[in-house]
Each structure stands twice: as C-alpha cells, then as structure tokens.
C-alpha cells in the first residue's frame, strides 16, 4: 500500500503520496467535485488495484469510455476488480459527480468493509443527526468509513452530509486518514469480519444516476 512519508495537512499528505495532483495552474481546487472517473483513478492508485488477479482479465466494453479517454485504464481496473460497477447498457458515466455517501461507501469497499451486525451499524450511525439520509445500500460501508474516521464531519453540528457532492478536499481528508492508518494500523472491531483480504469485493449496488445531475 502507498504510505505517506511526512505529517502535514491532508492536502499536503496526498500530494506527497502522489494520490492526487494539482491542476496546470498549481491549484489543488479543494472545493472541486470528484467525478466517477477521478474516483476510479484515486482508488487504483491508493489500493494498487492493478495488482489484483482479476485486474488482468480482458477489457470490458464500456460505450462511454473509449480507450483514448484519460481514465480508461483506471476505469477498466475498477470494473474488472468489482470495486466500482457500471450502469444500464454498460455505461460508466465517467463525468458523473458522486455524493459523499457514494464515494465513501466505494472507498470503504476498496478498503474492506467491516461486517458489523446491524445493531452495531445502527449504533455507529446514530451518533450523526443526518445519518438517516444515508441510502440503505451505503449504511454498512458508511459505518466502516465512520468507524475508521475516513469521514470529515462538521465540527459544530456533527453532520456527515451524505448527499452532498464529494469534493477534492473531502477525498484528501479520507486519503490522509487512510495513509495515517498504514503507519499506525488499528485493530479489527470486535464482532466484525473485514473483507479487506478479498481480492474481488462485491461492488456497492448504487442506483442508476440521471445524467447531468
């Protein structure tokens, strides 16, 4: 796994680790919205998904992602490893923005979702006043992300804002916490079973998006 070499702000850490980059003007654009293609690229770099056996399978036909597209290889990797899934007619919607719930759920899937009993999931989520907005398909994955402190939370309200778009700053925070855990790994929660060692995790069942939303 990729490791951070120095302590700094989340943005400093992920830039140094090479998991995210600045734009051509030298700006990180922390408020910029993460697209599905960008999420795929970040996941491949972070979890080295190209090393998984299933990543070596033949390429998949994706009508809206030609092989000339900048994120083609990363998208092929997340699809072949089951880290992300396509939608109707085999489309990927690479430019579709992702919500915080969707991005963090997929991040947790790549990391390894703890198989908490439902009562534990409910107990974890009950700490956050807007947890009821988390889609049902993301509850267990979000519980893992929250337990592992990958989620930046509003300090004054304790909200997790699951339906807001995932920003580059949000992703930098999640990545920096992940990198921190690589240098100071914790223990698996009692009563749960992680699926981190599973080379082909089950993709999160995400509803079909409406293009342009």
N, C-alpha and C. Protein backbone atom coordinates (compact mmCIF):
# COMPACT_ATOMS: atom_id res chain seq x y z
N UNK A 1 0.84 -1.19 0.00
CA UNK A 1 0.00 0.00 0.00
C UNK A 1 0.88 1.25 0.00
N UNK A 2 0.30 2.35 -0.53
CA UNK A 2 1.02 3.61 -0.55
C UNK A 2 1.09 4.16 0.86
N UNK A 3 2.21 4.75 1.20
CA UNK A 3 2.37 5.33 2.52
C UNK A 3 2.77 6.79 2.41
N UNK A 4 2.32 7.60 3.36
CA UNK A 4 2.74 9.00 3.45
C UNK A 4 4.06 9.05 4.21
N UNK A 5 4.96 9.91 3.77
CA UNK A 5 6.28 9.98 4.38
C UNK A 5 6.39 11.09 5.42
N UNK A 6 5.51 12.08 5.37
CA UNK A 6 5.59 13.19 6.31
C UNK A 6 4.20 13.51 6.85
N UNK A 7 4.19 14.20 7.97
CA UNK A 7 2.94 14.67 8.55
C UNK A 7 2.68 16.08 8.02
N UNK A 8 1.46 16.38 7.64
CA UNK A 8 1.10 17.70 7.16
C UNK A 8 -0.40 17.79 7.04
N UNK A 9 -0.89 18.82 6.33
CA UNK A 9 -2.33 18.90 6.10
C UNK A 9 -2.74 17.75 5.21
N UNK A 10 -4.04 17.39 5.21
CA UNK A 10 -4.47 16.31 4.32
C UNK A 10 -4.06 16.52 2.88
N UNK A 11 -4.16 17.76 2.39
CA UNK A 11 -3.78 18.04 1.02
C UNK A 11 -2.28 17.81 0.81
N UNK A 12 -1.46 18.29 1.74
CA UNK A 12 -0.02 18.07 1.64
C UNK A 12 0.31 16.59 1.59
N UNK A 13 -0.36 15.82 2.44
CA UNK A 13 -0.08 14.39 2.55
C UNK A 13 -0.40 13.67 1.25
N UNK A 14 -1.59 13.94 0.68
CA UNK A 14 -1.97 13.20 -0.52
C UNK A 14 -1.16 13.64 -1.74
N UNK A 15 -0.78 14.91 -1.77
CA UNK A 15 0.08 15.37 -2.86
C UNK A 15 1.44 14.69 -2.79
N UNK A 16 2.00 14.61 -1.60
CA UNK A 16 3.31 13.98 -1.45
C UNK A 16 3.25 12.50 -1.78
N UNK A 17 2.14 11.86 -1.42
CA UNK A 17 1.98 10.43 -1.70
C UNK A 17 1.67 10.16 -3.17
N UNK A 18 1.35 11.21 -3.92
CA UNK A 18 1.06 11.05 -5.34
C UNK A 18 -0.32 10.51 -5.64
N UNK A 19 -1.23 10.58 -4.67
CA UNK A 19 -2.57 10.05 -4.87
C UNK A 19 -3.50 11.06 -5.53
N UNK A 20 -3.18 12.34 -5.39
CA UNK A 20 -3.91 13.40 -6.07
C UNK A 20 -2.88 14.42 -6.54
N UNK A 21 -3.25 15.26 -7.49
CA UNK A 21 -2.33 16.25 -8.05
C UNK A 21 -2.99 17.62 -8.14
N UNK A 22 -2.18 18.62 -8.35
CA UNK A 22 -2.68 19.97 -8.60
C UNK A 22 -2.99 20.12 -10.09
N UNK A 23 -3.75 21.18 -10.42
CA UNK A 23 -4.04 21.42 -11.83
C UNK A 23 -2.88 22.14 -12.50
N UNK A 24 -3.04 22.47 -13.76
CA UNK A 24 -1.95 23.07 -14.53
C UNK A 24 -1.55 24.44 -14.01
N UNK A 25 -2.43 25.07 -13.22
CA UNK A 25 -2.13 26.38 -12.63
C UNK A 25 -1.54 26.26 -11.24
N UNK A 26 -1.32 25.04 -10.78
CA UNK A 26 -0.74 24.84 -9.46
C UNK A 26 -1.74 24.91 -8.33
N UNK A 27 -3.03 24.81 -8.64
CA UNK A 27 -4.07 24.86 -7.62
C UNK A 27 -4.60 23.46 -7.32
N UNK A 28 -4.88 23.20 -6.05
CA UNK A 28 -5.45 21.91 -5.69
C UNK A 28 -6.95 21.86 -5.92
N UNK A 29 -7.62 23.01 -5.79
CA UNK A 29 -9.06 23.10 -6.02
C UNK A 29 -9.83 22.20 -5.06
N UNK A 30 -9.68 22.47 -3.77
CA UNK A 30 -10.27 21.62 -2.74
C UNK A 30 -11.79 21.56 -2.83
N UNK A 31 -12.43 22.59 -3.36
CA UNK A 31 -13.89 22.60 -3.46
C UNK A 31 -14.40 21.96 -4.75
N UNK A 32 -13.48 21.54 -5.61
CA UNK A 32 -13.88 20.88 -6.85
C UNK A 32 -14.58 19.56 -6.56
N UNK A 33 -15.52 19.18 -7.43
CA UNK A 33 -16.31 17.97 -7.22
C UNK A 33 -15.63 16.77 -7.86
N UNK A 34 -15.58 15.66 -7.14
CA UNK A 34 -14.99 14.42 -7.64
C UNK A 34 -15.94 13.75 -8.63
N UNK A 35 -15.42 13.36 -9.78
CA UNK A 35 -16.21 12.60 -10.75
C UNK A 35 -15.95 11.11 -10.57
N UNK A 36 -16.77 10.30 -11.23
CA UNK A 36 -16.58 8.85 -11.15
C UNK A 36 -15.23 8.43 -11.73
N UNK A 37 -14.81 9.09 -12.79
CA UNK A 37 -13.50 8.77 -13.38
C UNK A 37 -12.37 9.12 -12.42
N UNK A 38 -12.48 10.28 -11.78
CA UNK A 38 -11.44 10.68 -10.81
C UNK A 38 -11.43 9.73 -9.62
N UNK A 39 -12.60 9.33 -9.16
CA UNK A 39 -12.67 8.38 -8.05
C UNK A 39 -12.00 7.07 -8.43
N UNK A 40 -12.26 6.59 -9.64
CA UNK A 40 -11.64 5.35 -10.10
C UNK A 40 -10.12 5.47 -10.10
N UNK A 41 -9.61 6.58 -10.61
CA UNK A 41 -8.16 6.78 -10.67
C UNK A 41 -7.54 6.80 -9.28
N UNK A 42 -8.20 7.48 -8.35
CA UNK A 42 -7.69 7.57 -6.98
C UNK A 42 -7.70 6.21 -6.30
N UNK A 43 -8.76 5.44 -6.50
CA UNK A 43 -8.85 4.12 -5.87
C UNK A 43 -7.77 3.18 -6.39
N UNK A 44 -7.52 3.22 -7.69
CA UNK A 44 -6.49 2.35 -8.26
C UNK A 44 -5.12 2.69 -7.67
N UNK A 45 -4.80 3.98 -7.58
CA UNK A 45 -3.52 4.40 -7.02
C UNK A 45 -3.41 4.03 -5.54
N UNK A 46 -4.46 4.28 -4.79
CA UNK A 46 -4.42 4.10 -3.34
C UNK A 46 -4.31 2.63 -2.95
N UNK A 47 -5.13 1.80 -3.57
CA UNK A 47 -5.20 0.39 -3.17
C UNK A 47 -4.47 -0.54 -4.14
N UNK A 48 -3.75 0.07 -5.12
CA UNK A 48 -2.95 -0.69 -6.08
C UNK A 48 -3.79 -1.83 -6.68
N UNK A 49 -4.96 -1.46 -7.15
CA UNK A 49 -5.91 -2.45 -7.64
C UNK A 49 -5.41 -3.19 -8.87
N UNK A 50 -4.48 -2.56 -9.61
CA UNK A 50 -3.99 -3.22 -10.82
C UNK A 50 -3.21 -4.49 -10.51
N UNK A 51 -2.83 -4.68 -9.24
CA UNK A 51 -2.09 -5.88 -8.84
C UNK A 51 -2.99 -7.07 -8.55
N UNK A 52 -4.29 -6.83 -8.45
CA UNK A 52 -5.20 -7.93 -8.15
C UNK A 52 -5.35 -8.82 -9.37
N UNK A 53 -5.51 -10.09 -9.13
CA UNK A 53 -5.59 -11.06 -10.23
C UNK A 53 -6.69 -10.72 -11.22
N UNK A 54 -7.82 -10.30 -10.71
CA UNK A 54 -8.94 -10.02 -11.60
C UNK A 54 -8.70 -8.82 -12.51
N UNK A 55 -7.74 -7.97 -12.16
CA UNK A 55 -7.42 -6.82 -13.00
C UNK A 55 -6.79 -7.24 -14.32
N UNK A 56 -6.35 -8.50 -14.40
CA UNK A 56 -5.69 -8.98 -15.60
C UNK A 56 -6.68 -9.56 -16.61
N UNK A 57 -7.96 -9.56 -16.29
CA UNK A 57 -8.96 -10.09 -17.20
C UNK A 57 -9.04 -9.21 -18.46
N UNK A 58 -9.59 -9.75 -19.55
CA UNK A 58 -9.75 -8.94 -20.77
C UNK A 58 -10.56 -7.69 -20.49
N UNK A 59 -10.28 -6.64 -21.26
CA UNK A 59 -11.00 -5.39 -21.08
C UNK A 59 -12.49 -5.57 -21.35
N UNK A 60 -13.25 -4.72 -20.70
CA UNK A 60 -14.71 -4.74 -20.78
C UNK A 60 -15.15 -3.63 -21.72
N UNK A 61 -16.14 -3.91 -22.54
CA UNK A 61 -16.67 -2.88 -23.43
C UNK A 61 -17.48 -1.87 -22.63
N UNK A 62 -17.05 -0.62 -22.68
CA UNK A 62 -17.74 0.47 -21.98
C UNK A 62 -18.02 1.56 -23.01
N UNK A 63 -19.24 1.65 -23.52
CA UNK A 63 -19.53 2.55 -24.64
C UNK A 63 -19.15 4.01 -24.42
N UNK A 64 -19.25 4.50 -23.18
CA UNK A 64 -18.95 5.92 -22.95
C UNK A 64 -17.54 6.15 -22.43
N UNK A 65 -16.68 5.13 -22.48
CA UNK A 65 -15.28 5.29 -22.08
C UNK A 65 -14.40 4.65 -23.15
N UNK A 66 -14.09 5.38 -24.23
CA UNK A 66 -13.21 4.83 -25.27
C UNK A 66 -11.80 4.68 -24.74
N UNK A 67 -11.00 3.86 -25.43
CA UNK A 67 -9.64 3.63 -24.93
C UNK A 67 -8.73 4.85 -25.05
N UNK A 68 -9.23 5.90 -25.71
CA UNK A 68 -8.48 7.16 -25.78
C UNK A 68 -8.76 8.07 -24.58
N UNK A 69 -9.74 7.72 -23.78
CA UNK A 69 -10.13 8.54 -22.62
C UNK A 69 -9.04 8.48 -21.56
N UNK A 70 -8.77 9.61 -20.90
CA UNK A 70 -7.63 9.68 -19.96
C UNK A 70 -7.74 8.67 -18.83
N UNK A 71 -8.97 8.38 -18.39
CA UNK A 71 -9.14 7.46 -17.26
C UNK A 71 -9.48 6.04 -17.66
N UNK A 72 -9.24 5.69 -18.93
CA UNK A 72 -9.64 4.37 -19.42
C UNK A 72 -9.07 3.23 -18.59
N UNK A 73 -7.77 3.23 -18.35
CA UNK A 73 -7.14 2.12 -17.63
C UNK A 73 -7.67 1.98 -16.21
N UNK A 74 -7.82 3.10 -15.52
CA UNK A 74 -8.33 3.05 -14.14
C UNK A 74 -9.76 2.55 -14.12
N UNK A 75 -10.58 3.00 -15.06
CA UNK A 75 -11.98 2.56 -15.10
C UNK A 75 -12.06 1.07 -15.41
N UNK A 76 -11.24 0.61 -16.33
CA UNK A 76 -11.20 -0.83 -16.61
C UNK A 76 -10.80 -1.61 -15.35
N UNK A 77 -9.86 -1.09 -14.60
CA UNK A 77 -9.38 -1.79 -13.41
C UNK A 77 -10.46 -1.87 -12.34
N UNK A 78 -11.16 -0.76 -12.07
CA UNK A 78 -12.18 -0.81 -11.02
C UNK A 78 -13.35 -1.69 -11.43
N UNK A 79 -13.65 -1.74 -12.73
CA UNK A 79 -14.73 -2.60 -13.19
C UNK A 79 -14.34 -4.07 -13.09
N UNK A 80 -13.12 -4.40 -13.54
CA UNK A 80 -12.69 -5.80 -13.54
C UNK A 80 -12.47 -6.34 -12.14
N UNK A 81 -12.11 -5.48 -11.20
CA UNK A 81 -11.91 -5.93 -9.83
C UNK A 81 -13.19 -5.86 -9.01
N UNK A 82 -14.25 -5.31 -9.59
CA UNK A 82 -15.51 -5.21 -8.86
C UNK A 82 -15.54 -4.09 -7.84
N UNK A 83 -14.56 -3.19 -7.88
CA UNK A 83 -14.51 -2.08 -6.94
C UNK A 83 -15.59 -1.05 -7.23
N UNK A 84 -15.86 -0.82 -8.50
CA UNK A 84 -16.97 0.00 -8.94
C UNK A 84 -17.74 -0.79 -9.99
N UNK A 85 -18.97 -0.38 -10.24
CA UNK A 85 -19.77 -1.08 -11.23
C UNK A 85 -20.32 -0.09 -12.25
N UNK A 86 -20.70 -0.64 -13.41
CA UNK A 86 -21.30 0.18 -14.44
C UNK A 86 -22.80 0.29 -14.24
N UNK A 87 -23.45 0.89 -15.22
CA UNK A 87 -24.88 1.10 -15.14
C UNK A 87 -25.57 0.50 -16.36
N UNK A 88 -26.75 0.96 -16.65
CA UNK A 88 -27.53 0.40 -17.76
C UNK A 88 -26.75 0.49 -19.07
N UNK A 89 -26.93 -0.51 -19.89
CA UNK A 89 -26.30 -0.58 -21.22
C UNK A 89 -24.78 -0.56 -21.14
N UNK A 90 -24.22 -0.93 -19.99
CA UNK A 90 -22.77 -1.00 -19.84
C UNK A 90 -22.09 0.34 -19.71
N UNK A 91 -22.86 1.41 -19.48
CA UNK A 91 -22.28 2.75 -19.36
C UNK A 91 -21.64 2.94 -17.99
N UNK A 92 -20.64 3.82 -17.95
CA UNK A 92 -19.96 4.11 -16.69
C UNK A 92 -20.25 5.52 -16.18
N UNK A 93 -20.62 6.44 -17.07
CA UNK A 93 -20.82 7.85 -16.71
C UNK A 93 -19.57 8.42 -16.03
N UNK A 94 -18.44 8.48 -16.73
CA UNK A 94 -17.19 8.89 -16.10
C UNK A 94 -17.20 10.30 -15.54
N UNK A 95 -18.00 11.18 -16.12
CA UNK A 95 -18.03 12.58 -15.67
C UNK A 95 -19.11 12.85 -14.63
N UNK A 96 -19.87 11.81 -14.29
CA UNK A 96 -20.92 11.95 -13.28
C UNK A 96 -20.30 12.27 -11.92
N UNK A 97 -20.79 13.27 -11.24
CA UNK A 97 -20.30 13.57 -9.91
C UNK A 97 -20.82 12.53 -8.92
N UNK A 98 -20.14 12.36 -7.82
CA UNK A 98 -20.55 11.38 -6.83
C UNK A 98 -20.86 12.08 -5.51
N UNK A 99 -21.82 11.54 -4.79
CA UNK A 99 -22.14 12.08 -3.47
C UNK A 99 -21.12 11.58 -2.46
N UNK A 100 -21.11 12.20 -1.29
CA UNK A 100 -20.22 11.76 -0.23
C UNK A 100 -20.53 10.32 0.18
N UNK A 101 -21.81 9.98 0.26
CA UNK A 101 -22.18 8.61 0.63
C UNK A 101 -21.67 7.61 -0.39
N UNK A 102 -21.85 7.93 -1.67
CA UNK A 102 -21.41 7.00 -2.72
C UNK A 102 -19.89 6.86 -2.71
N UNK A 103 -19.18 7.99 -2.69
CA UNK A 103 -17.71 7.94 -2.75
C UNK A 103 -17.12 7.24 -1.53
N UNK A 104 -17.64 7.56 -0.36
CA UNK A 104 -17.09 6.97 0.86
C UNK A 104 -17.47 5.50 1.00
N UNK A 105 -18.65 5.14 0.49
CA UNK A 105 -19.04 3.73 0.50
C UNK A 105 -18.13 2.91 -0.40
N UNK A 106 -17.84 3.43 -1.59
CA UNK A 106 -16.96 2.73 -2.51
C UNK A 106 -15.54 2.68 -1.95
N UNK A 107 -15.11 3.79 -1.34
CA UNK A 107 -13.79 3.82 -0.70
C UNK A 107 -13.70 2.73 0.37
N UNK A 108 -14.74 2.62 1.18
CA UNK A 108 -14.75 1.60 2.23
C UNK A 108 -14.76 0.20 1.64
N UNK A 109 -15.45 0.01 0.51
CA UNK A 109 -15.45 -1.29 -0.15
C UNK A 109 -14.04 -1.67 -0.59
N UNK A 110 -13.31 -0.71 -1.17
CA UNK A 110 -11.94 -0.99 -1.61
C UNK A 110 -11.03 -1.26 -0.41
N UNK A 111 -11.29 -0.56 0.67
CA UNK A 111 -10.51 -0.72 1.90
C UNK A 111 -10.81 -2.06 2.57
N UNK A 112 -12.08 -2.41 2.62
CA UNK A 112 -12.52 -3.62 3.29
C UNK A 112 -13.60 -3.31 4.30
N UNK A 113 -14.84 -3.58 3.96
CA UNK A 113 -15.97 -3.25 4.83
C UNK A 113 -16.03 -4.21 6.01
N UNK A 114 -16.14 -3.65 7.21
CA UNK A 114 -16.33 -4.49 8.39
C UNK A 114 -17.76 -5.02 8.39
N UNK A 115 -17.88 -6.31 8.59
CA UNK A 115 -19.21 -6.93 8.58
C UNK A 115 -19.86 -6.81 9.96
N UNK A 116 -20.16 -5.56 10.32
CA UNK A 116 -20.81 -5.29 11.59
C UNK A 116 -22.20 -5.92 11.62
N UNK A 117 -22.63 -6.43 12.77
CA UNK A 117 -24.05 -6.77 12.92
C UNK A 117 -24.87 -5.49 12.73
N UNK A 118 -26.10 -5.63 12.30
CA UNK A 118 -26.94 -4.47 12.01
C UNK A 118 -27.08 -3.54 13.21
N UNK A 119 -27.13 -4.12 14.42
CA UNK A 119 -27.27 -3.26 15.59
C UNK A 119 -26.04 -2.38 15.79
N UNK A 120 -24.86 -2.90 15.42
CA UNK A 120 -23.65 -2.09 15.52
C UNK A 120 -23.65 -0.98 14.48
N UNK A 121 -24.12 -1.31 13.28
CA UNK A 121 -24.22 -0.29 12.24
C UNK A 121 -25.14 0.84 12.71
N UNK A 122 -26.29 0.47 13.25
CA UNK A 122 -27.25 1.47 13.72
C UNK A 122 -26.66 2.30 14.86
N UNK A 123 -25.90 1.67 15.74
CA UNK A 123 -25.29 2.38 16.86
C UNK A 123 -24.27 3.40 16.38
N UNK A 124 -23.46 3.01 15.40
CA UNK A 124 -22.46 3.93 14.86
C UNK A 124 -23.14 5.11 14.17
N UNK A 125 -24.13 4.82 13.32
CA UNK A 125 -24.77 5.88 12.55
C UNK A 125 -25.63 6.79 13.41
N UNK A 126 -26.12 6.29 14.54
CA UNK A 126 -27.00 7.08 15.41
C UNK A 126 -26.29 8.29 16.01
N UNK A 127 -24.98 8.33 15.95
CA UNK A 127 -24.21 9.45 16.51
C UNK A 127 -24.30 10.70 15.64
N UNK A 128 -24.84 10.55 14.43
CA UNK A 128 -24.82 11.65 13.47
C UNK A 128 -26.26 12.03 13.11
N UNK A 129 -26.62 13.30 13.28
CA UNK A 129 -28.03 13.69 13.14
C UNK A 129 -28.60 13.52 11.74
N UNK A 130 -27.77 13.50 10.72
CA UNK A 130 -28.29 13.35 9.36
C UNK A 130 -28.00 11.97 8.78
N UNK A 131 -27.69 11.00 9.64
CA UNK A 131 -27.39 9.64 9.16
C UNK A 131 -28.59 9.02 8.46
N UNK A 132 -29.78 9.48 8.77
CA UNK A 132 -30.97 8.95 8.11
C UNK A 132 -31.00 9.23 6.62
N UNK A 133 -30.16 10.17 6.15
CA UNK A 133 -30.09 10.48 4.73
C UNK A 133 -29.21 9.49 3.96
N UNK A 134 -28.48 8.64 4.68
CA UNK A 134 -27.61 7.67 4.01
C UNK A 134 -28.48 6.63 3.30
N UNK A 135 -28.28 6.43 2.02
CA UNK A 135 -29.06 5.40 1.32
C UNK A 135 -28.82 4.03 1.95
N UNK A 136 -29.83 3.18 1.87
CA UNK A 136 -29.74 1.87 2.53
C UNK A 136 -28.57 1.05 2.02
N UNK A 137 -28.24 1.18 0.73
CA UNK A 137 -27.14 0.40 0.17
C UNK A 137 -25.77 0.83 0.72
N UNK A 138 -25.71 2.01 1.34
CA UNK A 138 -24.42 2.53 1.80
C UNK A 138 -24.24 2.45 3.31
N UNK A 139 -25.24 1.98 4.04
CA UNK A 139 -25.19 2.04 5.51
C UNK A 139 -23.98 1.29 6.10
N UNK A 140 -23.79 0.05 5.72
CA UNK A 140 -22.70 -0.72 6.31
C UNK A 140 -21.34 -0.18 5.90
N UNK A 141 -21.22 0.21 4.63
CA UNK A 141 -19.96 0.78 4.17
C UNK A 141 -19.66 2.11 4.85
N UNK A 142 -20.69 2.95 5.02
CA UNK A 142 -20.50 4.21 5.70
C UNK A 142 -20.17 4.00 7.18
N UNK A 143 -20.73 2.97 7.78
CA UNK A 143 -20.39 2.67 9.17
C UNK A 143 -18.91 2.35 9.29
N UNK A 144 -18.38 1.61 8.32
CA UNK A 144 -16.94 1.32 8.32
C UNK A 144 -16.14 2.60 8.14
N UNK A 145 -16.54 3.43 7.18
CA UNK A 145 -15.81 4.68 6.92
C UNK A 145 -15.82 5.58 8.15
N UNK A 146 -16.95 5.64 8.84
CA UNK A 146 -17.05 6.47 10.04
C UNK A 146 -16.24 5.87 11.18
N UNK A 147 -16.31 4.56 11.36
CA UNK A 147 -15.56 3.89 12.43
C UNK A 147 -14.06 4.11 12.23
N UNK A 148 -13.60 4.07 10.99
CA UNK A 148 -12.18 4.24 10.69
C UNK A 148 -11.78 5.70 10.54
N UNK A 149 -12.75 6.62 10.74
CA UNK A 149 -12.50 8.06 10.73
C UNK A 149 -12.03 8.57 9.37
N UNK A 150 -12.59 8.01 8.31
CA UNK A 150 -12.29 8.49 6.97
C UNK A 150 -13.16 9.67 6.58
N UNK A 151 -14.17 9.96 7.39
CA UNK A 151 -15.17 10.97 7.03
C UNK A 151 -14.91 12.27 7.78
N UNK A 152 -14.77 13.36 7.04
CA UNK A 152 -14.66 14.68 7.69
C UNK A 152 -16.06 15.13 8.09
N UNK A 153 -16.22 15.46 9.35
CA UNK A 153 -17.52 15.74 9.95
C UNK A 153 -17.61 17.21 10.33
N UNK A 154 -18.78 17.80 10.17
CA UNK A 154 -18.97 19.19 10.59
C UNK A 154 -18.80 19.30 12.09
N UNK A 155 -17.83 20.11 12.50
CA UNK A 155 -17.50 20.18 13.92
C UNK A 155 -18.60 20.74 14.80
N UNK A 156 -19.38 21.69 14.30
CA UNK A 156 -20.39 22.32 15.14
C UNK A 156 -21.72 21.57 15.14
N UNK A 157 -21.97 20.78 14.11
CA UNK A 157 -23.25 20.07 14.01
C UNK A 157 -23.13 18.56 14.09
N UNK A 158 -21.93 18.04 13.89
CA UNK A 158 -21.68 16.60 13.85
C UNK A 158 -22.38 15.94 12.66
N UNK A 159 -22.66 16.73 11.63
CA UNK A 159 -23.29 16.17 10.43
C UNK A 159 -22.25 15.56 9.51
N UNK A 160 -22.69 14.55 8.75
CA UNK A 160 -21.79 13.89 7.80
C UNK A 160 -22.15 14.23 6.35
N UNK A 161 -23.26 14.91 6.13
CA UNK A 161 -23.66 15.40 4.81
C UNK A 161 -23.55 14.33 3.72
N UNK A 162 -24.22 13.21 3.87
CA UNK A 162 -24.04 12.10 2.93
C UNK A 162 -24.50 12.39 1.51
N UNK A 163 -25.43 13.31 1.32
CA UNK A 163 -25.96 13.55 -0.01
C UNK A 163 -25.30 14.72 -0.73
N UNK A 164 -24.40 15.41 -0.05
CA UNK A 164 -23.67 16.49 -0.72
C UNK A 164 -22.62 15.89 -1.66
N UNK A 165 -22.23 16.63 -2.70
CA UNK A 165 -21.20 16.13 -3.60
C UNK A 165 -19.88 15.92 -2.87
N UNK A 166 -19.14 14.91 -3.26
CA UNK A 166 -17.82 14.64 -2.70
C UNK A 166 -16.83 15.60 -3.33
N UNK A 167 -16.16 16.39 -2.51
CA UNK A 167 -15.19 17.34 -3.03
C UNK A 167 -13.78 16.76 -2.97
N UNK A 168 -12.87 17.42 -3.66
CA UNK A 168 -11.47 17.01 -3.63
C UNK A 168 -10.91 17.15 -2.21
N UNK A 169 -11.38 18.15 -1.48
CA UNK A 169 -10.95 18.29 -0.10
C UNK A 169 -11.43 17.15 0.77
N UNK A 170 -12.70 16.72 0.55
CA UNK A 170 -13.23 15.58 1.27
C UNK A 170 -12.39 14.33 1.01
N UNK A 171 -12.04 14.13 -0.26
CA UNK A 171 -11.25 12.95 -0.63
C UNK A 171 -9.85 13.02 -0.04
N UNK A 172 -9.27 14.21 -0.04
CA UNK A 172 -7.94 14.36 0.56
C UNK A 172 -7.97 13.99 2.04
N UNK A 173 -9.04 14.36 2.73
CA UNK A 173 -9.16 14.02 4.14
C UNK A 173 -9.23 12.50 4.30
N UNK A 174 -10.10 11.84 3.53
CA UNK A 174 -10.22 10.38 3.64
C UNK A 174 -8.90 9.69 3.34
N UNK A 175 -8.23 10.14 2.30
CA UNK A 175 -6.96 9.52 1.92
C UNK A 175 -5.89 9.73 2.99
N UNK A 176 -5.85 10.93 3.57
CA UNK A 176 -4.83 11.20 4.58
C UNK A 176 -5.04 10.34 5.81
N UNK A 177 -6.31 10.11 6.19
CA UNK A 177 -6.60 9.24 7.33
C UNK A 177 -6.24 7.79 7.02
N UNK A 178 -6.48 7.39 5.78
CA UNK A 178 -6.11 6.04 5.37
C UNK A 178 -4.59 5.87 5.44
N UNK A 179 -3.86 6.85 4.92
CA UNK A 179 -2.40 6.76 4.94
C UNK A 179 -1.87 6.75 6.37
N UNK A 180 -2.51 7.52 7.24
CA UNK A 180 -2.11 7.52 8.65
C UNK A 180 -2.30 6.12 9.25
N UNK A 181 -3.37 5.45 8.88
CA UNK A 181 -3.62 4.12 9.41
C UNK A 181 -2.59 3.10 8.92
N UNK A 182 -1.99 3.36 7.76
CA UNK A 182 -0.97 2.43 7.26
C UNK A 182 0.29 2.48 8.11
N UNK A 183 0.54 3.63 8.72
CA UNK A 183 1.71 3.75 9.59
C UNK A 183 1.39 3.40 11.03
N UNK A 184 0.08 3.51 11.39
CA UNK A 184 -0.35 3.16 12.75
C UNK A 184 -1.63 2.33 12.67
N UNK A 185 -1.52 1.11 12.16
CA UNK A 185 -2.72 0.28 11.98
C UNK A 185 -3.41 -0.01 13.29
N UNK A 186 -4.74 -0.03 13.24
CA UNK A 186 -5.52 -0.34 14.43
C UNK A 186 -5.98 -1.78 14.40
N UNK A 187 -6.84 -2.12 15.32
CA UNK A 187 -7.35 -3.49 15.42
C UNK A 187 -8.72 -3.58 14.77
N UNK A 188 -9.08 -4.77 14.35
CA UNK A 188 -10.40 -5.01 13.79
C UNK A 188 -11.43 -4.95 14.91
N UNK A 189 -12.55 -4.26 14.71
CA UNK A 189 -13.56 -4.17 15.76
C UNK A 189 -14.06 -5.54 16.19
N UNK A 190 -14.32 -5.69 17.47
CA UNK A 190 -14.85 -6.94 17.99
C UNK A 190 -16.21 -7.23 17.36
N UNK A 191 -16.42 -8.49 16.99
CA UNK A 191 -17.71 -8.89 16.44
C UNK A 191 -17.89 -8.60 14.98
N UNK A 192 -16.81 -8.18 14.30
CA UNK A 192 -16.93 -7.90 12.88
C UNK A 192 -15.87 -8.69 12.12
N UNK A 193 -16.10 -8.84 10.83
CA UNK A 193 -15.15 -9.54 9.97
C UNK A 193 -14.85 -8.64 8.79
N UNK A 194 -13.59 -8.19 8.62
CA UNK A 194 -13.29 -7.35 7.48
C UNK A 194 -13.20 -8.17 6.21
N UNK A 195 -13.47 -7.55 5.07
CA UNK A 195 -13.31 -8.25 3.80
C UNK A 195 -12.15 -7.66 3.02
N UNK A 196 -11.22 -7.02 3.73
CA UNK A 196 -10.10 -6.35 3.08
C UNK A 196 -9.27 -7.31 2.26
N UNK A 197 -9.15 -8.56 2.72
CA UNK A 197 -8.32 -9.51 2.02
C UNK A 197 -8.99 -10.11 0.80
N UNK A 198 -10.26 -9.82 0.60
CA UNK A 198 -11.00 -10.35 -0.53
C UNK A 198 -10.54 -9.65 -1.80
N UNK A 199 -9.92 -10.36 -2.75
CA UNK A 199 -9.40 -9.70 -3.95
C UNK A 199 -10.47 -9.22 -4.90
N UNK A 200 -11.70 -9.70 -4.73
CA UNK A 200 -12.80 -9.27 -5.60
C UNK A 200 -14.02 -8.93 -4.76
N UNK A 201 -13.99 -7.78 -4.07
CA UNK A 201 -15.11 -7.40 -3.21
C UNK A 201 -16.38 -7.20 -4.01
N UNK A 202 -17.51 -7.42 -3.37
CA UNK A 202 -18.78 -7.19 -4.04
C UNK A 202 -18.99 -5.69 -4.21
N UNK A 203 -19.25 -5.21 -5.43
CA UNK A 203 -19.45 -3.78 -5.62
C UNK A 203 -20.71 -3.31 -4.93
N UNK A 204 -20.68 -2.05 -4.48
CA UNK A 204 -21.87 -1.46 -3.87
C UNK A 204 -22.96 -1.31 -4.92
N UNK A 205 -24.16 -1.72 -4.58
CA UNK A 205 -25.28 -1.62 -5.51
C UNK A 205 -25.82 -0.21 -5.50
N UNK A 206 -25.33 0.62 -6.41
CA UNK A 206 -25.68 2.03 -6.45
C UNK A 206 -26.77 2.26 -7.48
N UNK A 207 -27.80 3.01 -7.13
CA UNK A 207 -28.88 3.27 -8.09
C UNK A 207 -28.37 3.94 -9.35
N UNK A 208 -29.07 3.69 -10.46
CA UNK A 208 -28.68 4.30 -11.74
C UNK A 208 -28.82 5.81 -11.64
N UNK A 209 -27.74 6.55 -11.97
CA UNK A 209 -27.82 8.01 -11.88
C UNK A 209 -28.54 8.60 -13.07
N UNK A 210 -28.98 9.81 -12.90
CA UNK A 210 -29.58 10.56 -14.00
C UNK A 210 -28.49 11.43 -14.60
N UNK A 211 -28.11 11.22 -15.86
CA UNK A 211 -27.03 12.02 -16.44
C UNK A 211 -27.28 13.52 -16.28
N UNK A 212 -26.21 14.22 -15.90
CA UNK A 212 -26.30 15.65 -15.75
C UNK A 212 -26.69 16.11 -14.37
N UNK A 213 -26.94 15.15 -13.44
CA UNK A 213 -27.31 15.55 -12.09
C UNK A 213 -26.09 15.60 -11.21
